[in-house]
């Protein structure tokens, strides 16, 4: 019973870590993509309209 509980705990920890790492990677890529897109939009000639579309 103790061994089963330990296995379950390890599995939950591993799954939680993988889930949080995936979530962190997705959020990181999203923030990085938004930063790149904002810098590109602000650098473009239609920066104001692009920023308005991005905010909407």
PDB file of N, CA and C in Angstrom:
ATOM      1  N   UNK A   1       0.830  -1.195   0.000  1.00  0.00           N
ATOM      2  CA  UNK A   1       0.000   0.000   0.000  1.00  0.00           C
ATOM      3  C   UNK A   1       0.873   1.257   0.000  1.00  0.00           C
ATOM      4  N   UNK A   2       1.948   1.210   0.796  1.00  0.00           N
ATOM      5  CA  UNK A   2       2.847   2.367   0.827  1.00  0.00           C
ATOM      6  C   UNK A   2       3.534   2.542  -0.524  1.00  0.00           C
ATOM      7  N   UNK A   3       3.903   1.400  -1.145  1.00  0.00           N
ATOM      8  CA  UNK A   3       4.584   1.480  -2.435  1.00  0.00           C
ATOM      9  C   UNK A   3       3.647   2.070  -3.480  1.00  0.00           C
ATOM     10  N   UNK A   4       2.382   1.630  -3.470  1.00  0.00           N
ATOM     11  CA  UNK A   4       1.421   2.169  -4.425  1.00  0.00           C
ATOM     12  C   UNK A   4       1.238   3.673  -4.217  1.00  0.00           C
ATOM     13  N   UNK A   5       1.163   4.090  -2.960  1.00  0.00           N
ATOM     14  CA  UNK A   5       0.991   5.518  -2.679  1.00  0.00           C
ATOM     15  C   UNK A   5       2.207   6.305  -3.173  1.00  0.00           C
ATOM     16  N   UNK A   6       3.385   5.736  -2.977  1.00  0.00           N
ATOM     17  CA  UNK A   6       4.591   6.425  -3.430  1.00  0.00           C
ATOM     18  C   UNK A   6       4.606   6.530  -4.952  1.00  0.00           C
ATOM     19  N   UNK A   7       4.217   5.453  -5.626  1.00  0.00           N
ATOM     20  CA  UNK A   7       4.174   5.489  -7.090  1.00  0.00           C
ATOM     21  C   UNK A   7       3.174   6.537  -7.569  1.00  0.00           C
ATOM     22  N   UNK A   8       2.012   6.580  -6.918  1.00  0.00           N
ATOM     23  CA  UNK A   8       1.005   7.556  -7.320  1.00  0.00           C
ATOM     24  C   UNK A   8       1.524   8.973  -7.093  1.00  0.00           C
ATOM     25  N   UNK A   9       2.205   9.175  -5.969  1.00  0.00           N
ATOM     26  CA  UNK A   9       2.722  10.509  -5.669  1.00  0.00           C
ATOM     27  C   UNK A   9       3.756  10.920  -6.712  1.00  0.00           C
ATOM     28  N   UNK A  10       4.644   9.988  -7.075  1.00  0.00           N
ATOM     29  CA  UNK A  10       5.664  10.305  -8.080  1.00  0.00           C
ATOM     30  C   UNK A  10       5.007  10.606  -9.422  1.00  0.00           C
ATOM     31  N   UNK A  11       3.996   9.801  -9.787  1.00  0.00           N
ATOM     32  CA  UNK A  11       3.323  10.021 -11.060  1.00  0.00           C
ATOM     33  C   UNK A  11       2.628  11.381 -11.071  1.00  0.00           C
ATOM     34  N   UNK A  12       1.961  11.722  -9.961  1.00  0.00           N
ATOM     35  CA  UNK A  12       1.298  13.021  -9.894  1.00  0.00           C
ATOM     36  C   UNK A  12       2.310  14.152  -9.988  1.00  0.00           C
ATOM     37  N   UNK A  13       3.447  13.997  -9.316  1.00  0.00           N
ATOM     38  CA  UNK A  13       4.468  15.048  -9.362  1.00  0.00           C
ATOM     39  C   UNK A  13       5.014  15.212 -10.772  1.00  0.00           C
ATOM     40  N   UNK A  14       5.294  14.083 -11.436  1.00  0.00           N
ATOM     41  CA  UNK A  14       5.849  14.157 -12.791  1.00  0.00           C
ATOM     42  C   UNK A  14       4.834  14.780 -13.745  1.00  0.00           C
ATOM     43  N   UNK A  15       3.570  14.343 -13.648  1.00  0.00           N
ATOM     44  CA  UNK A  15       2.552  14.890 -14.541  1.00  0.00           C
ATOM     45  C   UNK A  15       2.345  16.375 -14.261  1.00  0.00           C
ATOM     46  N   UNK A  16       2.366  16.756 -12.986  1.00  0.00           N
ATOM     47  CA  UNK A  16       2.206  18.171 -12.649  1.00  0.00           C
ATOM     48  C   UNK A  16       3.361  18.998 -13.175  1.00  0.00           C
ATOM     49  N   UNK A  17       4.587  18.462 -13.048  1.00  0.00           N
ATOM     50  CA  UNK A  17       5.752  19.196 -13.542  1.00  0.00           C
ATOM     51  C   UNK A  17       5.686  19.341 -15.054  1.00  0.00           C
ATOM     52  N   UNK A  18       5.330  18.261 -15.758  1.00  0.00           N
ATOM     53  CA  UNK A  18       5.247  18.334 -17.214  1.00  0.00           C
ATOM     54  C   UNK A  18       4.147  19.309 -17.631  1.00  0.00           C
ATOM     55  N   UNK A  19       3.015  19.297 -16.911  1.00  0.00           N
ATOM     56  CA  UNK A  19       1.919  20.207 -17.240  1.00  0.00           C
ATOM     57  C   UNK A  19       2.350  21.652 -17.037  1.00  0.00           C
ATOM     58  N   UNK A  20       3.008  21.929 -15.905  1.00  0.00           N
ATOM     59  CA  UNK A  20       3.432  23.304 -15.635  1.00  0.00           C
ATOM     60  C   UNK A  20       4.527  23.734 -16.604  1.00  0.00           C
ATOM     61  N   UNK A  21       5.412  22.807 -16.972  1.00  0.00           N
ATOM     62  CA  UNK A  21       6.463  23.162 -17.930  1.00  0.00           C
ATOM     63  C   UNK A  21       5.847  23.457 -19.295  1.00  0.00           C
ATOM     64  N   UNK A  22       4.861  22.657 -19.713  1.00  0.00           N
ATOM     65  CA  UNK A  22       4.179  22.926 -20.983  1.00  0.00           C
ATOM     66  C   UNK A  22       3.460  24.268 -20.911  1.00  0.00           C
ATOM     67  N   UNK A  23       2.773  24.528 -19.802  1.00  0.00           N
ATOM     68  CA  UNK A  23       2.068  25.793 -19.646  1.00  0.00           C
ATOM     69  C   UNK A  23       3.049  26.956 -19.677  1.00  0.00           C
ATOM     70  N   UNK A  24       4.188  26.810 -18.992  1.00  0.00           N
ATOM     71  CA  UNK A  24       5.193  27.874 -18.968  1.00  0.00           C
ATOM     72  C   UNK A  24       5.757  28.114 -20.361  1.00  0.00           C
ATOM     73  N   UNK A  25       6.002  27.031 -21.109  1.00  0.00           N
ATOM     74  CA  UNK A  25       6.541  27.168 -22.467  1.00  0.00           C
ATOM     75  C   UNK A  25       5.521  27.866 -23.359  1.00  0.00           C
ATOM     76  N   UNK A  26       4.235  27.477 -23.242  1.00  0.00           N
ATOM     77  CA  UNK A  26       3.193  28.093 -24.067  1.00  0.00           C
ATOM     78  C   UNK A  26       3.068  29.573 -23.736  1.00  0.00           C
ATOM     79  N   UNK A  27       3.049  29.899 -22.429  1.00  0.00           N
ATOM     80  CA  UNK A  27       2.927  31.302 -22.027  1.00  0.00           C
ATOM     81  C   UNK A  27       4.157  32.081 -22.482  1.00  0.00           C
ATOM     82  N   UNK A  28       5.340  31.480 -22.341  1.00  0.00           N
ATOM     83  CA  UNK A  28       6.559  32.162 -22.760  1.00  0.00           C
ATOM     84  C   UNK A  28       6.558  32.442 -24.256  1.00  0.00           C
ATOM     85  N   UNK A  29       6.168  31.445 -25.065  1.00  0.00           N
ATOM     86  CA  UNK A  29       6.113  31.657 -26.499  1.00  0.00           C
ATOM     87  C   UNK A  29       5.054  32.691 -26.855  1.00  0.00           C
ATOM     88  N   UNK A  30       3.923  32.684 -26.125  1.00  0.00           N
ATOM     89  CA  UNK A  30       2.875  33.668 -26.398  1.00  0.00           C
ATOM     90  C   UNK A  30       3.344  35.080 -26.106  1.00  0.00           C
ATOM     91  N   UNK A  31       3.990  35.268 -24.950  1.00  0.00           N
ATOM     92  CA  UNK A  31       4.485  36.604 -24.602  1.00  0.00           C
ATOM     93  C   UNK A  31       5.568  37.034 -25.585  1.00  0.00           C
ATOM     94  N   UNK A  32       6.465  36.108 -25.943  1.00  0.00           N
ATOM     95  CA  UNK A  32       7.536  36.435 -26.884  1.00  0.00           C
ATOM     96  C   UNK A  32       6.957  36.787 -28.252  1.00  0.00           C
ATOM     97  N   UNK A  33       5.945  36.009 -28.692  1.00  0.00           N
ATOM     98  CA  UNK A  33       5.314  36.297 -29.976  1.00  0.00           C
ATOM     99  C   UNK A  33       4.601  37.643 -29.971  1.00  0.00           C
ATOM    100  N   UNK A  34       3.910  37.955 -28.874  1.00  0.00           N
ATOM    101  CA  UNK A  34       3.223  39.247 -28.780  1.00  0.00           C
ATOM    102  C   UNK A  34       4.244  40.381 -28.780  1.00  0.00           C
ATOM    103  N   UNK A  35       5.365  40.192 -28.085  1.00  0.00           N
ATOM    104  CA  UNK A  35       6.404  41.227 -28.058  1.00  0.00           C
ATOM    105  C   UNK A  35       6.974  41.449 -29.455  1.00  0.00           C
ATOM    106  N   UNK A  36       7.284  40.356 -30.167  1.00  0.00           N
ATOM    107  CA  UNK A  36       7.820  40.479 -31.525  1.00  0.00           C
ATOM    108  C   UNK A  36       6.782  41.126 -32.442  1.00  0.00           C
ATOM    109  N   UNK A  37       5.505  40.699 -32.326  1.00  0.00           N
ATOM    110  CA  UNK A  37       4.454  41.242 -33.175  1.00  0.00           C
ATOM    111  C   UNK A  37       4.239  42.716 -32.891  1.00  0.00           C
ATOM    112  N   UNK A  38       4.272  43.118 -31.615  1.00  0.00           N
ATOM    113  CA  UNK A  38       4.091  44.524 -31.266  1.00  0.00           C
ATOM    114  C   UNK A  38       5.245  45.365 -31.795  1.00  0.00           C
ATOM    115  N   UNK A  39       6.477  44.873 -31.638  1.00  0.00           N
ATOM    116  CA  UNK A  39       7.622  45.632 -32.148  1.00  0.00           C
ATOM    117  C   UNK A  39       7.535  45.738 -33.672  1.00  0.00           C
ATOM    118  N   UNK A  40       7.102  44.658 -34.352  1.00  0.00           N
ATOM    119  CA  UNK A  40       6.966  44.696 -35.807  1.00  0.00           C
ATOM    120  C   UNK A  40       5.858  45.663 -36.218  1.00  0.00           C
ATOM    121  N   UNK A  41       4.731  45.614 -35.478  1.00  0.00           N
ATOM    122  CA  UNK A  41       3.604  46.493 -35.814  1.00  0.00           C
ATOM    123  C   UNK A  41       3.967  47.950 -35.560  1.00  0.00           C
ATOM    124  N   UNK A  42       4.599  48.212 -34.411  1.00  0.00           N
ATOM    125  CA  UNK A  42       4.992  49.588 -34.101  1.00  0.00           C
ATOM    126  C   UNK A  42       6.024  50.087 -35.101  1.00  0.00           C
ATOM    127  N   UNK A  43       6.890  49.181 -35.602  1.00  0.00           N
ATOM    128  CA  UNK A  43       7.896  49.589 -36.577  1.00  0.00           C
ATOM    129  C   UNK A  43       7.303  49.769 -37.971  1.00  0.00           C
ATOM    130  N   UNK A  44       6.152  49.153 -38.227  1.00  0.00           N
ATOM    131  CA  UNK A  44       5.538  49.247 -39.542  1.00  0.00           C
ATOM    132  C   UNK A  44       4.861  50.593 -39.769  1.00  0.00           C
ATOM    133  N   UNK A  45       4.441  50.825 -41.020  1.00  0.00           N
ATOM    134  CA  UNK A  45       3.796  52.097 -41.349  1.00  0.00           C
ATOM    135  C   UNK A  45       2.372  52.135 -40.826  1.00  0.00           C
ATOM    136  N   UNK A  46       1.742  50.957 -40.610  1.00  0.00           N
ATOM    137  CA  UNK A  46       0.369  50.911 -40.083  1.00  0.00           C
ATOM    138  C   UNK A  46       0.415  50.504 -38.617  1.00  0.00           C
ATOM    139  N   UNK A  47       1.317  51.102 -37.846  1.00  0.00           N
ATOM    140  CA  UNK A  47       1.487  50.713 -36.450  1.00  0.00           C
ATOM    141  C   UNK A  47       0.249  51.003 -35.618  1.00  0.00           C
ATOM    142  N   UNK A  48      -0.374  52.170 -35.851  1.00  0.00           N
ATOM    143  CA  UNK A  48      -1.519  52.541 -35.012  1.00  0.00           C
ATOM    144  C   UNK A  48      -2.686  51.593 -35.258  1.00  0.00           C
ATOM    145  N   UNK A  49      -2.982  51.304 -36.519  1.00  0.00           N
ATOM    146  CA  UNK A  49      -4.106  50.402 -36.813  1.00  0.00           C
ATOM    147  C   UNK A  49      -3.795  48.989 -36.349  1.00  0.00           C
ATOM    148  N   UNK A  50      -2.529  48.562 -36.514  1.00  0.00           N
ATOM    149  CA  UNK A  50      -2.155  47.221 -36.074  1.00  0.00           C
ATOM    150  C   UNK A  50      -2.278  47.080 -34.565  1.00  0.00           C
ATOM    151  N   UNK A  51      -1.852  48.126 -33.823  1.00  0.00           N
ATOM    152  CA  UNK A  51      -1.947  48.066 -32.366  1.00  0.00           C
ATOM    153  C   UNK A  51      -3.413  48.045 -31.949  1.00  0.00           C
ATOM    154  N   UNK A  52      -4.251  48.828 -32.636  1.00  0.00           N
ATOM    155  CA  UNK A  52      -5.679  48.834 -32.309  1.00  0.00           C
ATOM    156  C   UNK A  52      -6.284  47.456 -32.577  1.00  0.00           C
ATOM    157  N   UNK A  53      -5.904  46.828 -33.701  1.00  0.00           N
ATOM    158  CA  UNK A  53      -6.424  45.498 -34.010  1.00  0.00           C
ATOM    159  C   UNK A  53      -5.932  44.484 -32.998  1.00  0.00           C
ATOM    160  N   UNK A  54      -4.661  44.630 -32.555  1.00  0.00           N
ATOM    161  CA  UNK A  54      -4.113  43.690 -31.575  1.00  0.00           C
ATOM    162  C   UNK A  54      -4.828  43.837 -30.237  1.00  0.00           C
ATOM    163  N   UNK A  55      -5.113  45.085 -29.827  1.00  0.00           N
ATOM    164  CA  UNK A  55      -5.798  45.296 -28.552  1.00  0.00           C
ATOM    165  C   UNK A  55      -7.238  44.800 -28.626  1.00  0.00           C
ATOM    166  N   UNK A  56      -7.866  44.902 -29.801  1.00  0.00           N
ATOM    167  CA  UNK A  56      -9.229  44.392 -29.926  1.00  0.00           C
ATOM    168  C   UNK A  56      -9.187  42.868 -29.996  1.00  0.00           C
TER     169      UNK A  56
END
